[in-house]
Protein backbone atom coordinates (compact mmCIF):
# COMPACT_ATOMS: atom_id res chain seq x y z
CA MET A 1 -62.08 -83.66 66.48
CA SER A 2 -59.61 -86.43 66.04
CA LYS A 3 -60.59 -89.79 64.69
CA LYS A 4 -59.89 -93.11 66.50
CA PRO A 5 -56.85 -94.75 64.86
CA LYS A 6 -57.54 -97.82 62.83
CA ASN A 7 -56.48 -101.26 64.09
CA GLN A 8 -56.14 -99.94 67.64
CA PRO A 9 -55.88 -103.01 70.04
CA HIS A 10 -58.70 -103.60 72.43
CA ARG A 11 -58.00 -102.59 76.00
CA HIS A 12 -59.49 -105.75 77.46
CA ARG A 13 -59.82 -109.44 76.42
CA SER A 14 -63.06 -110.93 75.28
CA GLY A 15 -64.96 -113.38 77.57
CA LEU A 16 -63.70 -116.24 75.34
CA GLN A 17 -60.08 -115.25 75.95
CA GLU A 18 -60.66 -114.86 79.69
CA PHE A 19 -61.71 -118.46 80.01
CA VAL A 20 -59.94 -120.47 77.27
CA VAL A 21 -56.31 -119.80 78.30
CA PRO A 22 -56.84 -120.59 82.00
CA GLY A 23 -58.93 -123.57 80.95
CA LEU A 24 -56.09 -124.94 78.85
CA ILE A 25 -53.61 -124.48 81.71
CA PHE A 26 -55.96 -126.20 84.18
CA GLY A 27 -56.68 -129.04 81.75
CA GLY A 28 -52.93 -129.57 81.18
CA ALA A 29 -52.36 -129.74 84.91
CA ILE A 30 -55.04 -132.42 85.22
CA ILE A 31 -53.46 -134.44 82.47
CA VAL A 32 -50.02 -134.26 84.08
CA ALA A 33 -51.49 -135.32 87.42
CA LEU A 34 -53.22 -138.30 85.81
CA LEU A 35 -50.00 -139.37 84.11
CA VAL A 36 -48.15 -139.22 87.41
CA LEU A 37 -50.87 -141.33 89.07
CA MET A 38 -50.93 -143.86 86.28
CA PHE A 39 -47.27 -144.22 85.57
CA GLY A 40 -45.39 -142.73 88.52
CA ASN A 41 -44.66 -146.09 90.14
CA GLU A 42 -43.51 -147.60 86.83
CA LEU A 43 -41.08 -144.77 86.23
CA THR A 44 -39.53 -144.90 89.69
CA GLY A 45 -39.33 -148.62 90.22
CA GLY A 46 -42.68 -150.19 90.38
CA GLY A 47 -45.53 -151.42 92.27
CA GLY A 48 -47.10 -150.63 95.60
CA SER A 49 -47.69 -153.14 98.27
CA SER A 50 -49.65 -153.83 101.42
CA GLU A 51 -46.70 -152.75 103.59
CA PRO A 52 -44.60 -150.03 101.89
CA VAL A 53 -41.04 -149.26 102.82
CA GLY A 54 -40.84 -146.00 104.71
CA THR A 55 -38.54 -144.62 107.37
CA GLU A 56 -38.81 -147.90 109.28
CA ILE A 57 -40.25 -151.29 108.36
CA SER A 58 -42.32 -153.33 110.80
CA ALA A 59 -40.94 -156.08 113.02
CA SER A 60 -43.18 -158.56 111.21
CA LEU A 61 -41.77 -157.59 107.82
CA GLU A 62 -38.21 -157.90 109.17
CA GLU A 63 -39.08 -161.41 110.36
CA LYS A 64 -40.38 -162.28 106.91
CA PHE A 65 -37.02 -161.22 105.49
CA VAL A 66 -35.29 -163.55 107.89
CA SER A 67 -37.59 -166.52 107.40
CA GLU A 68 -38.30 -166.22 103.66
CA TYR A 69 -36.87 -163.43 101.59
CA ASP A 70 -33.22 -163.39 102.51
CA LYS A 71 -32.50 -166.86 101.09
CA LEU A 72 -33.50 -165.56 97.54
CA GLY A 73 -30.94 -162.70 97.71
CA VAL A 74 -27.15 -163.03 97.56
CA ALA A 75 -25.60 -162.74 100.98
CA THR A 76 -22.15 -162.16 102.42
CA GLY A 77 -21.01 -161.90 106.03
CA PRO A 78 -21.96 -164.04 109.09
CA GLU A 79 -25.11 -166.02 108.59
CA ASP A 80 -26.09 -165.50 112.26
CA ALA A 81 -25.28 -161.83 112.40
CA GLU A 82 -27.71 -159.75 114.53
CA LEU A 83 -27.64 -156.81 112.09
CA VAL A 84 -28.55 -157.34 108.45
CA VAL A 85 -28.09 -154.69 105.72
CA ARG A 86 -30.20 -155.30 102.61
CA GLU A 87 -29.97 -153.59 99.22
CA PHE A 88 -32.46 -153.47 96.32
CA ALA A 89 -30.82 -152.31 93.15
CA ASP A 90 -31.00 -152.35 89.32
CA TYR A 91 -27.71 -152.87 87.39
CA GLN A 92 -28.69 -150.42 84.65
CA CYS A 93 -29.85 -147.70 87.04
CA PRO A 94 -27.42 -144.72 86.91
CA ALA A 95 -28.10 -143.92 90.58
CA CYS A 96 -27.29 -147.55 91.54
CA GLY A 97 -24.05 -147.30 89.60
CA ALA A 98 -23.13 -144.10 91.47
CA PHE A 99 -24.02 -145.72 94.80
CA ALA A 100 -22.13 -148.97 94.11
CA PRO A 101 -18.76 -147.82 95.55
CA THR A 102 -20.46 -146.75 98.79
CA VAL A 103 -22.19 -150.13 99.13
CA ARG A 104 -18.97 -151.97 98.36
CA LYS A 105 -17.23 -150.02 101.17
CA ILE A 106 -19.92 -151.00 103.56
CA ARG A 107 -19.58 -154.69 102.60
CA GLU A 108 -15.85 -154.59 103.00
CA GLU A 109 -15.74 -152.66 106.26
CA TYR A 110 -18.59 -154.50 107.98
CA ALA A 111 -19.72 -157.75 106.25
CA ASP A 112 -16.27 -158.96 105.34
CA ALA A 113 -15.11 -158.02 108.91
CA GLY A 114 -17.85 -160.20 110.37
CA LYS A 115 -19.82 -157.38 111.90
CA LEU A 116 -23.03 -157.83 109.96
CA LYS A 117 -24.70 -159.75 107.14
CA PHE A 118 -25.25 -158.06 103.77
CA VAL A 119 -27.93 -159.24 101.35
CA PHE A 120 -28.34 -158.00 97.76
CA PHE A 121 -31.74 -158.22 96.01
CA ASP A 122 -32.33 -157.73 92.27
CA PHE A 123 -34.94 -155.20 91.26
CA PRO A 124 -34.58 -154.66 87.50
CA LEU A 125 -36.89 -151.86 86.42
CA SER A 126 -38.96 -152.31 83.29
CA VAL A 127 -37.78 -148.92 82.01
CA HIS A 128 -34.26 -150.40 81.71
CA GLY A 129 -34.15 -152.84 78.84
CA ASN A 130 -30.93 -154.64 79.77
CA ALA A 131 -31.43 -154.64 83.53
CA LYS A 132 -33.00 -158.06 83.80
CA ILE A 133 -30.51 -159.90 81.61
CA ALA A 134 -27.70 -158.22 83.59
CA ALA A 135 -29.21 -159.52 86.81
CA SER A 136 -29.54 -162.95 85.33
CA ALA A 137 -25.90 -162.87 84.22
CA ALA A 138 -24.79 -161.94 87.73
CA ARG A 139 -26.76 -164.93 89.10
CA CYS A 140 -25.05 -167.17 86.48
CA ALA A 141 -21.70 -165.89 87.75
CA ALA A 142 -22.85 -166.72 91.24
CA ARG A 143 -23.13 -170.39 90.23
CA GLN A 144 -19.39 -170.30 89.83
CA LYS A 145 -18.94 -168.43 93.16
CA ALA A 146 -18.03 -165.24 91.36
CA PHE A 147 -21.15 -163.17 92.02
CA TRP A 148 -19.41 -160.20 93.76
CA PRO A 149 -16.55 -159.75 91.22
CA PHE A 150 -19.08 -159.85 88.36
CA HIS A 151 -21.51 -157.69 90.24
CA GLU A 152 -18.89 -154.92 90.66
CA LYS A 153 -17.86 -155.15 87.00
CA LEU A 154 -21.46 -154.70 85.88
CA PHE A 155 -21.69 -151.39 87.77
CA ALA A 156 -18.20 -150.27 86.85
CA ASN A 157 -18.87 -150.90 83.16
CA GLN A 158 -22.48 -149.79 83.08
CA SER A 159 -21.86 -147.36 80.21
CA ARG A 160 -20.47 -150.17 78.05
CA TRP A 161 -23.47 -152.42 78.02
CA SER A 162 -26.50 -150.42 79.12
CA GLY A 163 -27.26 -149.05 75.63
CA GLN A 164 -26.40 -152.12 73.64
CA SER A 165 -29.19 -153.92 71.75
CA ASP A 166 -27.65 -157.28 72.85
CA PRO A 167 -25.13 -156.99 75.77
CA THR A 168 -24.35 -160.67 75.87
CA GLY A 169 -20.91 -160.30 74.32
CA THR A 170 -19.97 -157.69 76.88
CA PHE A 171 -21.19 -159.92 79.72
CA LEU A 172 -19.07 -162.70 78.38
CA ASP A 173 -16.04 -160.38 78.43
CA LEU A 174 -16.82 -159.35 81.98
CA ALA A 175 -17.22 -162.96 82.97
CA VAL A 176 -13.69 -163.72 81.76
CA GLU A 177 -12.42 -160.71 83.69
CA SER A 178 -14.21 -162.04 86.82
CA GLY A 179 -12.58 -165.43 86.51
CA VAL A 180 -15.74 -167.18 85.30
CA SER A 181 -15.62 -170.17 82.93
CA VAL A 182 -17.25 -168.91 79.79
CA ALA A 183 -18.96 -172.10 78.43
CA PRO A 184 -21.17 -172.79 81.49
CA PHE A 185 -21.80 -169.10 81.99
CA LYS A 186 -22.98 -168.69 78.41
CA GLN A 187 -25.20 -171.79 78.63
CA CYS A 188 -26.70 -170.53 81.83
CA LEU A 189 -27.50 -167.15 80.28
CA GLU A 190 -28.85 -168.59 77.04
CA GLN A 191 -31.17 -171.03 78.83
CA GLY A 192 -32.45 -168.39 81.20
CA ALA A 193 -31.51 -170.63 84.08
CA THR A 194 -31.46 -167.80 86.66
CA ASP A 195 -34.39 -165.76 85.30
CA GLN A 196 -36.78 -167.18 87.92
CA VAL A 197 -34.79 -166.13 90.92
CA VAL A 198 -34.47 -162.61 89.46
CA ASP A 199 -38.24 -162.51 88.98
CA GLU A 200 -38.73 -163.68 92.56
CA ASN A 201 -36.46 -160.86 93.77
CA ALA A 202 -38.52 -158.29 91.85
CA ARG A 203 -41.69 -159.81 93.37
CA ILE A 204 -40.25 -159.37 96.83
CA ALA A 205 -39.36 -155.74 96.09
CA ARG A 206 -42.97 -155.07 95.01
CA GLU A 207 -44.39 -156.90 98.04
CA VAL A 208 -42.17 -154.92 100.39
CA GLY A 209 -43.11 -151.67 98.64
CA VAL A 210 -39.78 -150.65 97.22
CA SER A 211 -40.56 -147.80 94.93
CA SER A 212 -37.12 -146.71 93.67
CA THR A 213 -33.55 -147.93 93.29
CA PRO A 214 -31.31 -147.98 95.10
CA THR A 215 -33.08 -148.71 98.36
CA ILE A 216 -31.11 -149.93 101.36
CA LEU A 217 -32.41 -151.35 104.65
CA ILE A 218 -30.16 -151.16 107.74
CA GLY A 219 -31.98 -153.39 110.12
CA ARG A 220 -35.49 -151.95 110.07
CA LYS A 221 -34.41 -148.48 108.90
CA ALA A 222 -35.03 -147.74 105.18
CA PHE A 223 -33.02 -145.36 103.02
CA SER A 224 -33.95 -144.64 99.36
CA GLY A 225 -31.70 -143.03 96.81
CA VAL A 226 -27.97 -142.29 96.85
CA LYS A 227 -26.89 -141.69 100.41
CA ALA A 228 -23.49 -140.59 101.65
CA TYR A 229 -21.31 -143.25 103.18
CA ASP A 230 -21.02 -141.28 106.45
CA VAL A 231 -24.79 -141.24 106.85
CA LEU A 232 -25.09 -144.97 106.43
CA LYS A 233 -22.05 -145.65 108.56
CA ALA A 234 -23.47 -143.66 111.44
CA GLU A 235 -26.73 -145.63 111.30
CA ILE A 236 -24.87 -148.91 111.18
CA ASP A 237 -22.58 -147.95 114.07
CA ASN A 238 -25.55 -146.80 116.16
CA GLN A 239 -27.42 -150.07 115.62
CA LEU A 240 -24.33 -152.18 116.35
CA ALA A 241 -23.69 -150.24 119.50
CA ALA A 242 -27.33 -150.65 120.64
CA GLN A 243 -27.13 -154.40 120.07
CA ALA A 244 -23.89 -154.63 122.08
CA GLN A 245 -25.53 -153.10 125.23
């Protein structure tokens, strides 16, 4: 009669093993879910609102843009245009940097041609340490009527300044390249003269319910994330055609 070999593994797990491992997995899932609930908005762009941006914003919210919000953004194109395209973006956001050429093409083809009004809103995310000062710098350039050249250079040179502990020197270089007088630009930046309007833009984004950057509104239709030019062009053309009827 043969003996049972020593150290032979058990053929089934103990009751403790049966419950501990699944319990750990379940507990970990709960923790992840709680983190998403607690910090999800912060990671994607911040705060909820009473009227979130979805596929289409309400007529009342569009009217609030016209009567109150738009004057705090930076606009180009006809002031009385029937169609308005609005963008919320963060200068340090990689997706916004990738989307910038598409938005520039829309401005050039439609706003510069007098077909619509384009309004840019700052929405610097707290996860991007240099986003707010970049937005303030762009608003300082706007005081010398050089917002759009500086705006484009911020996105085109994003990799130069986004990781710097103090990007001021780079912003001064970009100001020179944009045709901005350095002394008043530097003073504006050092005094935080445009910080308030950037904060007001971020407040608008939160009130509207923008949860990520970039977000673009074509009339009342909302698009979040990097969208292809052809997709946005089709929506713009459809709305322009509808208004012409």
